[in-house]
Structure formats: structure tokens, C-alpha cells
PDB file of all heavy atoms in Angstrom:
ATOM      1  N   ARG A   1       1.752   3.155 -18.631  1.00  0.00           N
ATOM      2  CA  ARG A   1       0.463   2.591 -19.117  1.00  0.00           C
ATOM      3  C   ARG A   1      -0.312   1.985 -18.005  1.00  0.00           C
ATOM      4  O   ARG A   1      -1.461   2.170 -17.830  1.00  0.00           O
ATOM      5  CB  ARG A   1       0.684   1.572 -20.241  1.00  0.00           C
ATOM      6  CG  ARG A   1      -0.669   1.019 -20.790  1.00  0.00           C
ATOM      7  CD  ARG A   1      -0.435   0.165 -22.051  1.00  0.00           C
ATOM      8  NE  ARG A   1       0.214  -1.022 -21.712  1.00  0.00           N
ATOM      9  CZ  ARG A   1       0.269  -2.013 -22.604  1.00  0.00           C
ATOM     10  NH1 ARG A   1      -0.143  -1.896 -23.840  1.00  0.00           N
ATOM     11  NH2 ARG A   1       0.935  -3.184 -22.288  1.00  0.00           N
ATOM     12  N   ASP A   2       0.421   1.289 -17.064  1.00  0.00           N
ATOM     13  CA  ASP A   2      -0.218   0.619 -15.956  1.00  0.00           C
ATOM     14  C   ASP A   2      -0.714   1.644 -14.920  1.00  0.00           C
ATOM     15  O   ASP A   2      -1.833   1.495 -14.335  1.00  0.00           O
ATOM     16  CB  ASP A   2       0.764  -0.353 -15.316  1.00  0.00           C
ATOM     17  CG  ASP A   2       0.025  -1.205 -14.292  1.00  0.00           C
ATOM     18  OD1 ASP A   2      -0.972  -1.872 -14.668  1.00  0.00           O
ATOM     19  OD2 ASP A   2       0.468  -1.291 -13.086  1.00  0.00           O
ATOM     20  N   ILE A   3       0.083   2.699 -14.729  1.00  0.00           N
ATOM     21  CA  ILE A   3      -0.327   3.740 -13.750  1.00  0.00           C
ATOM     22  C   ILE A   3      -1.565   4.512 -14.204  1.00  0.00           C
ATOM     23  O   ILE A   3      -2.409   4.795 -13.464  1.00  0.00           O
ATOM     24  CB  ILE A   3       0.868   4.760 -13.536  1.00  0.00           C
ATOM     25  CG1 ILE A   3       1.946   4.052 -12.767  1.00  0.00           C
ATOM     26  CG2 ILE A   3       0.362   5.951 -12.798  1.00  0.00           C
ATOM     27  CD1 ILE A   3       3.267   4.837 -12.742  1.00  0.00           C
ATOM     28  N   LEU A   4      -1.599   4.789 -15.523  1.00  0.00           N
ATOM     29  CA  LEU A   4      -2.654   5.688 -16.072  1.00  0.00           C
ATOM     30  C   LEU A   4      -3.898   4.968 -16.503  1.00  0.00           C
ATOM     31  O   LEU A   4      -4.983   5.591 -16.793  1.00  0.00           O
ATOM     32  CB  LEU A   4      -2.115   6.470 -17.266  1.00  0.00           C
ATOM     33  CG  LEU A   4      -0.905   7.409 -16.976  1.00  0.00           C
ATOM     34  CD1 LEU A   4      -0.416   8.027 -18.244  1.00  0.00           C
ATOM     35  CD2 LEU A   4      -1.385   8.521 -15.960  1.00  0.00           C
ATOM     36  N   GLN A   5      -3.875   3.599 -16.517  1.00  0.00           N
ATOM     37  CA  GLN A   5      -5.023   2.848 -17.001  1.00  0.00           C
ATOM     38  C   GLN A   5      -6.218   2.918 -16.021  1.00  0.00           C
ATOM     39  O   GLN A   5      -5.908   2.969 -14.865  1.00  0.00           O
ATOM     40  CB  GLN A   5      -4.656   1.391 -17.350  1.00  0.00           C
ATOM     41  CG  GLN A   5      -4.426   0.519 -16.093  1.00  0.00           C
ATOM     42  CD  GLN A   5      -4.121  -0.855 -16.544  1.00  0.00           C
ATOM     43  OE1 GLN A   5      -3.957  -1.173 -17.768  1.00  0.00           O
ATOM     44  NE2 GLN A   5      -3.989  -1.717 -15.641  1.00  0.00           N
ATOM     45  N   HIS A   6      -7.419   2.747 -16.483  1.00  0.00           N
ATOM     46  CA  HIS A   6      -8.528   2.809 -15.607  1.00  0.00           C
ATOM     47  C   HIS A   6      -9.446   1.578 -15.778  1.00  0.00           C
ATOM     48  O   HIS A   6     -10.316   1.279 -15.014  1.00  0.00           O
ATOM     49  CB  HIS A   6      -9.421   4.067 -15.831  1.00  0.00           C
ATOM     50  CG  HIS A   6      -8.685   5.265 -15.558  1.00  0.00           C
ATOM     51  ND1 HIS A   6      -8.303   5.750 -14.268  1.00  0.00           N
ATOM     52  CD2 HIS A   6      -8.148   6.248 -16.348  1.00  0.00           C
ATOM     53  CE1 HIS A   6      -7.604   6.827 -14.276  1.00  0.00           C
ATOM     54  NE2 HIS A   6      -7.526   7.220 -15.605  1.00  0.00           N
ATOM     55  N   GLU A   7      -9.210   0.833 -16.899  1.00  0.00           N
ATOM     56  CA  GLU A   7     -10.059  -0.354 -17.204  1.00  0.00           C
ATOM     57  C   GLU A   7      -9.177  -1.596 -17.268  1.00  0.00           C
ATOM     58  O   GLU A   7      -8.053  -1.523 -17.730  1.00  0.00           O
ATOM     59  CB  GLU A   7     -10.816  -0.097 -18.460  1.00  0.00           C
ATOM     60  CG  GLU A   7     -11.711   1.086 -18.566  1.00  0.00           C
ATOM     61  CD  GLU A   7     -12.255   1.332 -19.932  1.00  0.00           C
ATOM     62  OE1 GLU A   7     -12.096   0.411 -20.777  1.00  0.00           O
ATOM     63  OE2 GLU A   7     -12.983   2.288 -20.123  1.00  0.00           O
ATOM     64  N   LYS A   8      -9.785  -2.667 -16.827  1.00  0.00           N
ATOM     65  CA  LYS A   8      -9.051  -3.928 -16.915  1.00  0.00           C
ATOM     66  C   LYS A   8      -8.785  -4.409 -18.336  1.00  0.00           C
ATOM     67  O   LYS A   8      -7.808  -5.014 -18.560  1.00  0.00           O
ATOM     68  CB  LYS A   8      -9.901  -5.083 -16.232  1.00  0.00           C
ATOM     69  CG  LYS A   8      -9.731  -5.106 -14.692  1.00  0.00           C
ATOM     70  CD  LYS A   8     -10.218  -6.427 -14.155  1.00  0.00           C
ATOM     71  CE  LYS A   8      -9.862  -6.539 -12.664  1.00  0.00           C
ATOM     72  NZ  LYS A   8     -10.292  -7.866 -12.154  1.00  0.00           N
ATOM     73  N   ALA A   9      -9.611  -3.945 -19.270  1.00  0.00           N
ATOM     74  CA  ALA A   9      -9.463  -4.348 -20.649  1.00  0.00           C
ATOM     75  C   ALA A   9      -8.147  -3.898 -21.221  1.00  0.00           C
ATOM     76  O   ALA A   9      -7.631  -4.396 -22.113  1.00  0.00           O
ATOM     77  CB  ALA A   9     -10.596  -3.863 -21.476  1.00  0.00           C
ATOM     78  N   ARG A  10      -7.544  -2.838 -20.571  1.00  0.00           N
ATOM     79  CA  ARG A  10      -6.343  -2.192 -21.069  1.00  0.00           C
ATOM     80  C   ARG A  10      -5.062  -2.822 -20.446  1.00  0.00           C
ATOM     81  O   ARG A  10      -3.969  -2.404 -20.623  1.00  0.00           O
ATOM     82  CB  ARG A  10      -6.372  -0.725 -20.777  1.00  0.00           C
ATOM     83  CG  ARG A  10      -7.451   0.002 -21.526  1.00  0.00           C
ATOM     84  CD  ARG A  10      -7.445   1.438 -21.306  1.00  0.00           C
ATOM     85  NE  ARG A  10      -6.214   2.124 -21.653  1.00  0.00           N
ATOM     86  CZ  ARG A  10      -5.833   3.346 -21.405  1.00  0.00           C
ATOM     87  NH1 ARG A  10      -6.644   4.098 -20.638  1.00  0.00           N
ATOM     88  NH2 ARG A  10      -4.764   3.857 -21.858  1.00  0.00           N
ATOM     89  N   ARG A  11      -5.307  -3.902 -19.701  1.00  0.00           N
ATOM     90  CA  ARG A  11      -4.134  -4.568 -18.989  1.00  0.00           C
ATOM     91  C   ARG A  11      -3.271  -5.252 -20.119  1.00  0.00           C
ATOM     92  O   ARG A  11      -3.721  -5.433 -21.169  1.00  0.00           O
ATOM     93  CB  ARG A  11      -4.630  -5.557 -18.027  1.00  0.00           C
ATOM     94  CG  ARG A  11      -5.265  -4.941 -16.777  1.00  0.00           C
ATOM     95  CD  ARG A  11      -5.464  -6.089 -15.803  1.00  0.00           C
ATOM     96  NE  ARG A  11      -6.022  -5.524 -14.557  1.00  0.00           N
ATOM     97  CZ  ARG A  11      -5.368  -5.078 -13.599  1.00  0.00           C
ATOM     98  NH1 ARG A  11      -4.036  -5.043 -13.705  1.00  0.00           N
ATOM     99  NH2 ARG A  11      -5.915  -4.571 -12.534  1.00  0.00           N
ATOM    100  N   LEU A  12      -2.079  -5.576 -19.764  1.00  0.00           N
ATOM    101  CA  LEU A  12      -1.199  -6.317 -20.656  1.00  0.00           C
ATOM    102  C   LEU A  12      -1.746  -7.679 -20.986  1.00  0.00           C
ATOM    103  O   LEU A  12      -2.293  -8.322 -20.087  1.00  0.00           O
ATOM    104  CB  LEU A  12       0.160  -6.489 -19.976  1.00  0.00           C
ATOM    105  CG  LEU A  12       0.988  -5.199 -19.678  1.00  0.00           C
ATOM    106  CD1 LEU A  12       2.234  -5.558 -18.874  1.00  0.00           C
ATOM    107  CD2 LEU A  12       1.424  -4.589 -20.994  1.00  0.00           C
ATOM    108  N   PRO A  13      -1.708  -8.078 -22.213  1.00  0.00           N
ATOM    109  CA  PRO A  13      -2.270  -9.461 -22.560  1.00  0.00           C
ATOM    110  C   PRO A  13      -1.554 -10.571 -21.822  1.00  0.00           C
ATOM    111  O   PRO A  13      -0.339 -10.626 -21.846  1.00  0.00           O
ATOM    112  CB  PRO A  13      -1.987  -9.502 -24.089  1.00  0.00           C
ATOM    113  CG  PRO A  13      -0.889  -8.540 -24.331  1.00  0.00           C
ATOM    114  CD  PRO A  13      -0.999  -7.440 -23.288  1.00  0.00           C
ATOM    115  N   SER A  14      -2.314 -11.411 -21.223  1.00  0.00           N
ATOM    116  CA  SER A  14      -1.734 -12.503 -20.422  1.00  0.00           C
ATOM    117  C   SER A  14      -1.001 -13.539 -21.283  1.00  0.00           C
ATOM    118  O   SER A  14      -0.111 -14.159 -20.762  1.00  0.00           O
ATOM    119  CB  SER A  14      -2.921 -13.185 -19.661  1.00  0.00           C
ATOM    120  OG  SER A  14      -3.819 -13.782 -20.543  1.00  0.00           O
ATOM    121  N   GLU A  15      -1.299 -13.594 -22.579  1.00  0.00           N
ATOM    122  CA  GLU A  15      -0.711 -14.562 -23.449  1.00  0.00           C
ATOM    123  C   GLU A  15       0.812 -14.275 -23.649  1.00  0.00           C
ATOM    124  O   GLU A  15       1.617 -15.215 -23.758  1.00  0.00           O
ATOM    125  CB  GLU A  15      -1.326 -14.703 -24.803  1.00  0.00           C
ATOM    126  CG  GLU A  15      -2.732 -15.154 -24.801  1.00  0.00           C
ATOM    127  CD  GLU A  15      -3.719 -14.088 -24.398  1.00  0.00           C
ATOM    128  OE1 GLU A  15      -3.340 -12.909 -24.270  1.00  0.00           O
ATOM    129  OE2 GLU A  15      -4.933 -14.403 -24.199  1.00  0.00           O
ATOM    130  N   THR A  16       1.199 -12.963 -23.526  1.00  0.00           N
ATOM    131  CA  THR A  16       2.534 -12.606 -23.843  1.00  0.00           C
ATOM    132  C   THR A  16       3.206 -11.911 -22.664  1.00  0.00           C
ATOM    133  O   THR A  16       4.425 -11.599 -22.679  1.00  0.00           O
ATOM    134  CB  THR A  16       2.705 -11.678 -25.031  1.00  0.00           C
ATOM    135  OG1 THR A  16       1.903 -10.493 -24.730  1.00  0.00           O
ATOM    136  CG2 THR A  16       2.203 -12.345 -26.287  1.00  0.00           C
ATOM    137  N   MET A  17       2.455 -11.725 -21.533  1.00  0.00           N
ATOM    138  CA  MET A  17       2.995 -10.995 -20.381  1.00  0.00           C
ATOM    139  C   MET A  17       4.230 -11.678 -19.847  1.00  0.00           C
ATOM    140  O   MET A  17       5.154 -10.973 -19.271  1.00  0.00           O
ATOM    141  CB  MET A  17       1.888 -10.898 -19.323  1.00  0.00           C
ATOM    142  CG  MET A  17       2.252 -10.013 -18.095  1.00  0.00           C
ATOM    143  SD  MET A  17       1.077 -10.225 -16.778  1.00  0.00           S
ATOM    144  CE  MET A  17      -0.476  -9.922 -17.603  1.00  0.00           C
ATOM    145  N   GLY A  18       4.220 -13.031 -19.757  1.00  0.00           N
ATOM    146  CA  GLY A  18       5.366 -13.727 -19.164  1.00  0.00           C
ATOM    147  C   GLY A  18       6.675 -13.396 -19.907  1.00  0.00           C
ATOM    148  O   GLY A  18       7.719 -13.359 -19.336  1.00  0.00           O
ATOM    149  N   ALA A  19       6.526 -13.275 -21.206  1.00  0.00           N
ATOM    150  CA  ALA A  19       7.762 -13.031 -22.033  1.00  0.00           C
ATOM    151  C   ALA A  19       8.200 -11.584 -21.930  1.00  0.00           C
ATOM    152  O   ALA A  19       9.298 -11.232 -21.600  1.00  0.00           O
ATOM    153  CB  ALA A  19       7.450 -13.302 -23.528  1.00  0.00           C
ATOM    154  N   VAL A  20       7.229 -10.629 -22.201  1.00  0.00           N
ATOM    155  CA  VAL A  20       7.401  -9.209 -22.100  1.00  0.00           C
ATOM    156  C   VAL A  20       6.304  -8.600 -21.345  1.00  0.00           C
ATOM    157  O   VAL A  20       5.052  -8.843 -21.735  1.00  0.00           O
ATOM    158  CB  VAL A  20       7.575  -8.576 -23.497  1.00  0.00           C
ATOM    159  CG1 VAL A  20       7.777  -7.067 -23.343  1.00  0.00           C
ATOM    160  CG2 VAL A  20       8.698  -9.153 -24.287  1.00  0.00           C
ATOM    161  N   PRO A  21       6.449  -7.948 -20.210  1.00  0.00           N
ATOM    162  CA  PRO A  21       7.707  -7.377 -19.719  1.00  0.00           C
ATOM    163  C   PRO A  21       8.369  -8.244 -18.604  1.00  0.00           C
ATOM    164  O   PRO A  21       9.449  -7.791 -18.108  1.00  0.00           O
ATOM    165  CB  PRO A  21       7.283  -6.041 -19.170  1.00  0.00           C
ATOM    166  CG  PRO A  21       5.916  -6.385 -18.590  1.00  0.00           C
ATOM    167  CD  PRO A  21       5.298  -7.298 -19.526  1.00  0.00           C
ATOM    168  N   ILE A  22       7.742  -9.319 -18.208  1.00  0.00           N
ATOM    169  CA  ILE A  22       8.272 -10.058 -16.984  1.00  0.00           C
ATOM    170  C   ILE A  22       9.598 -10.774 -17.291  1.00  0.00           C
ATOM    171  O   ILE A  22      10.615 -10.470 -16.670  1.00  0.00           O
ATOM    172  CB  ILE A  22       7.233 -10.972 -16.388  1.00  0.00           C
ATOM    173  CG1 ILE A  22       5.972 -10.221 -15.976  1.00  0.00           C
ATOM    174  CG2 ILE A  22       7.808 -11.730 -15.201  1.00  0.00           C
ATOM    175  CD1 ILE A  22       4.809 -11.030 -15.473  1.00  0.00           C
ATOM    176  N   GLY A  23       9.593 -11.685 -18.306  1.00  0.00           N
ATOM    177  CA  GLY A  23      10.754 -12.429 -18.616  1.00  0.00           C
ATOM    178  C   GLY A  23      11.925 -11.459 -18.965  1.00  0.00           C
ATOM    179  O   GLY A  23      13.084 -11.632 -18.492  1.00  0.00           O
ATOM    180  N   THR A  24      11.578 -10.577 -19.879  1.00  0.00           N
ATOM    181  CA  THR A  24      12.494  -9.464 -20.177  1.00  0.00           C
ATOM    182  C   THR A  24      11.719  -8.178 -20.447  1.00  0.00           C
ATOM    183  O   THR A  24      10.601  -8.256 -21.047  1.00  0.00           O
ATOM    184  CB  THR A  24      13.334  -9.799 -21.477  1.00  0.00           C
ATOM    185  OG1 THR A  24      14.290  -8.800 -21.692  1.00  0.00           O
ATOM    186  CG2 THR A  24      12.504  -9.959 -22.651  1.00  0.00           C
ATOM    187  N   PRO A  25      12.072  -7.060 -19.910  1.00  0.00           N
ATOM    188  CA  PRO A  25      13.307  -6.765 -19.326  1.00  0.00           C
ATOM    189  C   PRO A  25      13.322  -6.865 -17.765  1.00  0.00           C
ATOM    190  O   PRO A  25      14.332  -6.377 -17.150  1.00  0.00           O
ATOM    191  CB  PRO A  25      13.592  -5.331 -19.770  1.00  0.00           C
ATOM    192  CG  PRO A  25      12.216  -4.708 -19.886  1.00  0.00           C
ATOM    193  CD  PRO A  25      11.272  -5.800 -20.275  1.00  0.00           C
ATOM    194  N   LEU A  26      12.281  -7.323 -17.090  1.00  0.00           N
ATOM    195  CA  LEU A  26      12.265  -7.400 -15.625  1.00  0.00           C
ATOM    196  C   LEU A  26      13.183  -8.393 -15.026  1.00  0.00           C
ATOM    197  O   LEU A  26      14.118  -8.010 -14.255  1.00  0.00           O
ATOM    198  CB  LEU A  26      10.877  -7.600 -15.131  1.00  0.00           C
ATOM    199  CG  LEU A  26       9.866  -6.367 -15.045  1.00  0.00           C
ATOM    200  CD1 LEU A  26       8.579  -6.770 -14.469  1.00  0.00           C
ATOM    201  CD2 LEU A  26      10.584  -5.235 -14.193  1.00  0.00           C
ATOM    202  N   VAL A  27      12.994  -9.705 -15.373  1.00  0.00           N
ATOM    203  CA  VAL A  27      13.902 -10.703 -14.859  1.00  0.00           C
ATOM    204  C   VAL A  27      15.343 -10.626 -15.444  1.00  0.00           C
ATOM    205  O   VAL A  27      16.318 -10.588 -14.697  1.00  0.00           O
ATOM    206  CB  VAL A  27      13.286 -12.103 -15.064  1.00  0.00           C
ATOM    207  CG1 VAL A  27      14.246 -13.161 -14.499  1.00  0.00           C
ATOM    208  CG2 VAL A  27      11.924 -12.264 -14.389  1.00  0.00           C
ATOM    209  N   VAL A  28      15.348 -10.668 -16.717  1.00  0.00           N
ATOM    210  CA  VAL A  28      16.623 -10.510 -17.499  1.00  0.00           C
ATOM    211  C   VAL A  28      16.605  -9.260 -18.289  1.00  0.00           C
ATOM    212  O   VAL A  28      16.087  -9.247 -19.352  1.00  0.00           O
ATOM    213  CB  VAL A  28      16.905 -11.773 -18.330  1.00  0.00           C
ATOM    214  CG1 VAL A  28      18.148 -11.531 -19.149  1.00  0.00           C
ATOM    215  CG2 VAL A  28      17.104 -12.993 -17.472  1.00  0.00           C
ATOM    216  N   GLY A  29      17.196  -8.190 -17.725  1.00  0.00           N
ATOM    217  CA  GLY A  29      17.305  -6.920 -18.411  1.00  0.00           C
ATOM    218  C   GLY A  29      18.753  -6.562 -18.671  1.00  0.00           C
ATOM    219  O   GLY A  29      19.656  -7.380 -18.546  1.00  0.00           O
ATOM    220  N   PRO A  30      18.984  -5.267 -19.059  1.00  0.00           N
ATOM    221  CA  PRO A  30      20.346  -4.837 -19.297  1.00  0.00           C
ATOM    222  C   PRO A  30      21.286  -5.158 -18.170  1.00  0.00           C
ATOM    223  O   PRO A  30      22.491  -5.490 -18.501  1.00  0.00           O
ATOM    224  CB  PRO A  30      20.179  -3.326 -19.535  1.00  0.00           C
ATOM    225  CG  PRO A  30      18.790  -3.174 -19.996  1.00  0.00           C
ATOM    226  CD  PRO A  30      18.010  -4.241 -19.226  1.00  0.00           C
ATOM    227  N   ALA A  31      20.907  -4.968 -16.932  1.00  0.00           N
ATOM    228  CA  ALA A  31      21.816  -5.244 -15.808  1.00  0.00           C
ATOM    229  C   ALA A  31      22.295  -6.616 -15.770  1.00  0.00           C
ATOM    230  O   ALA A  31      23.561  -6.930 -15.656  1.00  0.00           O
ATOM    231  CB  ALA A  31      21.184  -4.815 -14.518  1.00  0.00           C
ATOM    232  N   VAL A  32      21.392  -7.615 -15.944  1.00  0.00           N
ATOM    233  CA  VAL A  32      21.733  -9.008 -15.856  1.00  0.00           C
ATOM    234  C   VAL A  32      22.556  -9.403 -17.063  1.00  0.00           C
ATOM    235  O   VAL A  32      23.601 -10.144 -16.941  1.00  0.00           O
ATOM    236  CB  VAL A  32      20.458  -9.880 -15.754  1.00  0.00           C
ATOM    237  CG1 VAL A  32      20.818 -11.366 -15.876  1.00  0.00           C
ATOM    238  CG2 VAL A  32      19.657  -9.608 -14.515  1.00  0.00           C
ATOM    239  N   LEU A  33      22.189  -8.970 -18.243  1.00  0.00           N
ATOM    240  CA  LEU A  33      22.882  -9.283 -19.430  1.00  0.00           C
ATOM    241  C   LEU A  33      24.322  -8.756 -19.490  1.00  0.00           C
ATOM    242  O   LEU A  33      25.272  -9.379 -19.853  1.00  0.00           O
ATOM    243  CB  LEU A  33      22.120  -8.749 -20.657  1.00  0.00           C
ATOM    244  CG  LEU A  33      20.753  -9.340 -20.925  1.00  0.00           C
ATOM    245  CD1 LEU A  33      20.012  -8.681 -22.091  1.00  0.00           C
ATOM    246  CD2 LEU A  33      20.792 -10.853 -21.201  1.00  0.00           C
ATOM    247  N   THR A  34      24.454  -7.529 -18.986  1.00  0.00           N
ATOM    248  CA  THR A  34      25.766  -7.048 -18.878  1.00  0.00           C
ATOM    249  C   THR A  34      26.678  -7.799 -17.825  1.00  0.00           C
ATOM    250  O   THR A  34      27.845  -8.034 -18.067  1.00  0.00           O
ATOM    251  CB  THR A  34      25.717  -5.444 -18.426  1.00  0.00           C
ATOM    252  OG1 THR A  34      24.922  -4.768 -19.331  1.00  0.00           O
ATOM    253  CG2 THR A  34      27.097  -4.877 -18.396  1.00  0.00           C
ATOM    254  N   THR A  35      26.005  -8.061 -16.703  1.00  0.00           N
ATOM    255  CA  THR A  35      26.740  -8.833 -15.645  1.00  0.00           C
ATOM    256  C   THR A  35      27.201 -10.155 -16.099  1.00  0.00           C
ATOM    257  O   THR A  35      28.341 -10.561 -15.879  1.00  0.00           O
ATOM    258  CB  THR A  35      25.816  -9.001 -14.420  1.00  0.00           C
ATOM    259  OG1 THR A  35      25.356  -7.705 -13.924  1.00  0.00           O
ATOM    260  CG2 THR A  35      26.582  -9.731 -13.307  1.00  0.00           C
ATOM    261  N   ILE A  36      26.312 -10.937 -16.799  1.00  0.00           N
ATOM    262  CA  ILE A  36      26.787 -12.351 -17.235  1.00  0.00           C
ATOM    263  C   ILE A  36      27.860 -12.235 -18.260  1.00  0.00           C
ATOM    264  O   ILE A  36      28.692 -13.112 -18.372  1.00  0.00           O
ATOM    265  CB  ILE A  36      25.568 -13.152 -17.659  1.00  0.00           C
ATOM    266  CG1 ILE A  36      24.879 -12.516 -18.854  1.00  0.00           C
ATOM    267  CG2 ILE A  36      24.614 -13.370 -16.519  1.00  0.00           C
ATOM    268  CD1 ILE A  36      23.639 -13.426 -19.370  1.00  0.00           C
ATOM    269  N   ILE A  37      27.786 -11.215 -19.167  1.00  0.00           N
ATOM    270  CA  ILE A  37      28.881 -11.143 -20.177  1.00  0.00           C
ATOM    271  C   ILE A  37      30.220 -10.849 -19.487  1.00  0.00           C
ATOM    272  O   ILE A  37      31.234 -11.398 -19.891  1.00  0.00           O
ATOM    273  CB  ILE A  37      28.467  -9.975 -21.196  1.00  0.00           C
ATOM    274  CG1 ILE A  37      27.395 -10.400 -22.032  1.00  0.00           C
ATOM    275  CG2 ILE A  37      29.684  -9.676 -22.014  1.00  0.00           C
ATOM    276  CD1 ILE A  37      26.830  -9.392 -22.992  1.00  0.00           C
ATOM    277  N   ILE A  38      30.205  -9.986 -18.455  1.00  0.00           N
ATOM    278  CA  ILE A  38      31.419  -9.635 -17.756  1.00  0.00           C
ATOM    279  C   ILE A  38      31.921 -10.873 -16.942  1.00  0.00           C
ATOM    280  O   ILE A  38      33.152 -11.177 -16.941  1.00  0.00           O
ATOM    281  CB  ILE A  38      31.201  -8.484 -16.791  1.00  0.00           C
ATOM    282  CG1 ILE A  38      30.918  -7.178 -17.596  1.00  0.00           C
ATOM    283  CG2 ILE A  38      32.385  -8.261 -15.827  1.00  0.00           C
ATOM    284  CD1 ILE A  38      30.444  -6.046 -16.746  1.00  0.00           C
TER     285      ILE A  38
END
């Protein structure tokens, strides 16, 4: 979506961007969750 977008209006909403996708799955994704369980 980010690669193909042409207008700023189509950006991710700033109100939730910190939670998804930055907080998860970027910062804490499957790799981190699997690692901490192990």
C-alpha cells in the first residue's frame, strides 16, 4: 500500500500507526515473540 500510494491522504492513520504496524509487527513481531517464549 505504501509503495503504490500516490496521495498523502492514503497514508496510514497517525492515531493508530504507533500500534500497528510499528509497535506490532515491526518492533514486536513473530521473530521476537518466538524468541522470548524460547
